[in-house]
Amino acid sequence: MAALIDEEIKALVDGAYARCGEILTHRRRELDIVAEYLLRYENMDAKTFEQVFTDPAALQPPAAYQAVEAEAEQDAREEEEHGAD
């Protein structure tokens, strides 16, 4: 009886593993977008996650990062201007 249970469990796990591989292969582009976003911004809300699948071109950084990035861009422009003197 235990062997039969073990076989059934193995079949379930093997099937789930194969299905997982199929999903990840099929959604590789979205997986890469999510990974890059998380590496850069460290978190992602549900709305942004959904946007990866519906309109990835419209992804925006989190509001807190937008201000930081804008300030960094301004600092870089000012440095270029002063460095050219």
C-alpha atoms as a PDB file:
ATOM      1  CA  MET A   1       0.000   0.000   0.000  1.00  0.00           C
ATOM      2  CA  ALA A   2       2.821   2.434   0.883  1.00  0.00           C
ATOM      3  CA  ALA A   3       4.453   1.801  -2.495  1.00  0.00           C
ATOM      4  CA  LEU A   4       1.214   2.695  -4.279  1.00  0.00           C
ATOM      5  CA  ILE A   5       0.940   5.937  -2.296  1.00  0.00           C
ATOM      6  CA  ASP A   6       4.585   6.738  -3.085  1.00  0.00           C
ATOM      7  CA  GLU A   7       3.941   6.160  -6.801  1.00  0.00           C
ATOM      8  CA  GLU A   8       0.892   8.421  -6.771  1.00  0.00           C
ATOM      9  CA  ILE A   9       2.756  11.181  -4.920  1.00  0.00           C
ATOM     10  CA  LYS A  10       5.682  10.898  -7.337  1.00  0.00           C
ATOM     11  CA  ALA A  11       3.303  11.133 -10.304  1.00  0.00           C
ATOM     12  CA  LEU A  12       1.674  14.260  -8.831  1.00  0.00           C
ATOM     13  CA  VAL A  13       5.022  15.928  -8.105  1.00  0.00           C
ATOM     14  CA  ASP A  14       6.449  15.001 -11.516  1.00  0.00           C
ATOM     15  CA  GLY A  15       3.355  16.365 -13.250  1.00  0.00           C
ATOM     16  CA  ALA A  16       3.478  19.605 -11.282  1.00  0.00           C
ATOM     17  CA  TYR A  17       7.207  19.965 -12.008  1.00  0.00           C
ATOM     18  CA  ALA A  18       6.636  19.503 -15.746  1.00  0.00           C
ATOM     19  CA  ARG A  19       3.740  21.979 -15.746  1.00  0.00           C
ATOM     20  CA  CYS A  20       5.875  24.519 -13.886  1.00  0.00           C
ATOM     21  CA  GLY A  21       8.588  24.186 -16.517  1.00  0.00           C
ATOM     22  CA  GLU A  22       6.019  24.726 -19.284  1.00  0.00           C
ATOM     23  CA  ILE A  23       4.644  27.860 -17.633  1.00  0.00           C
ATOM     24  CA  LEU A  24       8.089  29.335 -17.033  1.00  0.00           C
ATOM     25  CA  THR A  25       9.154  28.585 -20.606  1.00  0.00           C
ATOM     26  CA  HIS A  26       5.953  30.051 -22.045  1.00  0.00           C
ATOM     27  CA  ARG A  27       6.148  33.159 -19.828  1.00  0.00           C
ATOM     28  CA  ARG A  28       9.931  33.650 -20.015  1.00  0.00           C
ATOM     29  CA  ARG A  29       9.627  37.237 -21.300  1.00  0.00           C
ATOM     30  CA  GLU A  30       7.381  38.233 -18.403  1.00  0.00           C
ATOM     31  CA  LEU A  31       9.614  36.396 -15.937  1.00  0.00           C
ATOM     32  CA  ASP A  32      12.626  38.370 -17.168  1.00  0.00           C
ATOM     33  CA  ILE A  33      10.725  41.675 -16.911  1.00  0.00           C
ATOM     34  CA  VAL A  34       9.655  40.899 -13.327  1.00  0.00           C
ATOM     35  CA  ALA A  35      13.191  39.835 -12.372  1.00  0.00           C
ATOM     36  CA  GLU A  36      14.773  42.992 -13.828  1.00  0.00           C
ATOM     37  CA  TYR A  37      12.173  45.194 -12.149  1.00  0.00           C
ATOM     38  CA  LEU A  38      12.721  43.518  -8.776  1.00  0.00           C
ATOM     39  CA  LEU A  39      16.502  43.740  -9.067  1.00  0.00           C
ATOM     40  CA  ARG A  40      16.207  47.466  -9.689  1.00  0.00           C
ATOM     41  CA  TYR A  41      13.354  48.456  -7.354  1.00  0.00           C
ATOM     42  CA  GLU A  42      13.320  45.572  -4.838  1.00  0.00           C
ATOM     43  CA  ASN A  43       9.521  45.231  -4.730  1.00  0.00           C
ATOM     44  CA  MET A  44       6.501  45.151  -7.008  1.00  0.00           C
ATOM     45  CA  ASP A  45       2.866  45.784  -6.200  1.00  0.00           C
ATOM     46  CA  ALA A  46       0.001  43.732  -7.645  1.00  0.00           C
ATOM     47  CA  LYS A  47      -0.990  46.415 -10.167  1.00  0.00           C
ATOM     48  CA  THR A  48       2.526  46.548 -11.574  1.00  0.00           C
ATOM     49  CA  PHE A  49       2.730  42.753 -11.695  1.00  0.00           C
ATOM     50  CA  GLU A  50      -0.510  42.624 -13.694  1.00  0.00           C
ATOM     51  CA  GLN A  51       0.833  45.305 -16.016  1.00  0.00           C
ATOM     52  CA  VAL A  52       3.767  43.049 -16.908  1.00  0.00           C
ATOM     53  CA  PHE A  53       1.243  40.744 -18.578  1.00  0.00           C
ATOM     54  CA  THR A  54      -1.028  43.402 -20.088  1.00  0.00           C
ATOM     55  CA  ASP A  55       1.181  46.376 -21.064  1.00  0.00           C
ATOM     56  CA  PRO A  56       4.846  45.940 -20.121  1.00  0.00           C
ATOM     57  CA  ALA A  57       5.910  48.940 -22.211  1.00  0.00           C
ATOM     58  CA  ALA A  58       3.996  51.215 -19.829  1.00  0.00           C
ATOM     59  CA  LEU A  59       5.772  50.034 -16.661  1.00  0.00           C
ATOM     60  CA  GLN A  60       6.823  52.877 -14.420  1.00  0.00           C
ATOM     61  CA  PRO A  61       9.139  52.858 -11.429  1.00  0.00           C
ATOM     62  CA  PRO A  62       7.527  53.153  -7.999  1.00  0.00           C
ATOM     63  CA  ALA A  63       6.668  56.753  -7.097  1.00  0.00           C
ATOM     64  CA  ALA A  64       9.408  56.952  -4.463  1.00  0.00           C
ATOM     65  CA  TYR A  65      12.019  55.977  -7.044  1.00  0.00           C
ATOM     66  CA  GLN A  66      10.713  58.427  -9.645  1.00  0.00           C
ATOM     67  CA  ALA A  67      11.677  61.357  -7.426  1.00  0.00           C
ATOM     68  CA  VAL A  68      15.075  59.849  -6.604  1.00  0.00           C
ATOM     69  CA  GLU A  69      15.784  59.092 -10.263  1.00  0.00           C
ATOM     70  CA  ALA A  70      14.718  62.580 -11.350  1.00  0.00           C
ATOM     71  CA  GLU A  71      17.033  64.110  -8.774  1.00  0.00           C
ATOM     72  CA  ALA A  72      19.922  61.870  -9.858  1.00  0.00           C
ATOM     73  CA  GLU A  73      19.364  62.838 -13.499  1.00  0.00           C
ATOM     74  CA  GLN A  74      19.347  66.521 -12.560  1.00  0.00           C
ATOM     75  CA  ASP A  75      22.569  66.106 -10.572  1.00  0.00           C
ATOM     76  CA  ALA A  76      24.202  64.352 -13.538  1.00  0.00           C
ATOM     77  CA  ARG A  77      23.179  67.161 -15.909  1.00  0.00           C
ATOM     78  CA  GLU A  78      24.528  69.786 -13.531  1.00  0.00           C
ATOM     79  CA  GLU A  79      27.792  67.864 -13.183  1.00  0.00           C
ATOM     80  CA  GLU A  80      28.154  67.721 -16.968  1.00  0.00           C
ATOM     81  CA  GLU A  81      27.504  71.444 -17.256  1.00  0.00           C
ATOM     82  CA  HIS A  82      30.028  72.328 -14.545  1.00  0.00           C
ATOM     83  CA  GLY A  83      32.553  69.822 -15.820  1.00  0.00           C
ATOM     84  CA  ALA A  84      32.521  71.522 -19.229  1.00  0.00           C
ATOM     85  CA  ASP A  85      33.672  74.840 -17.686  1.00  0.00           C
END
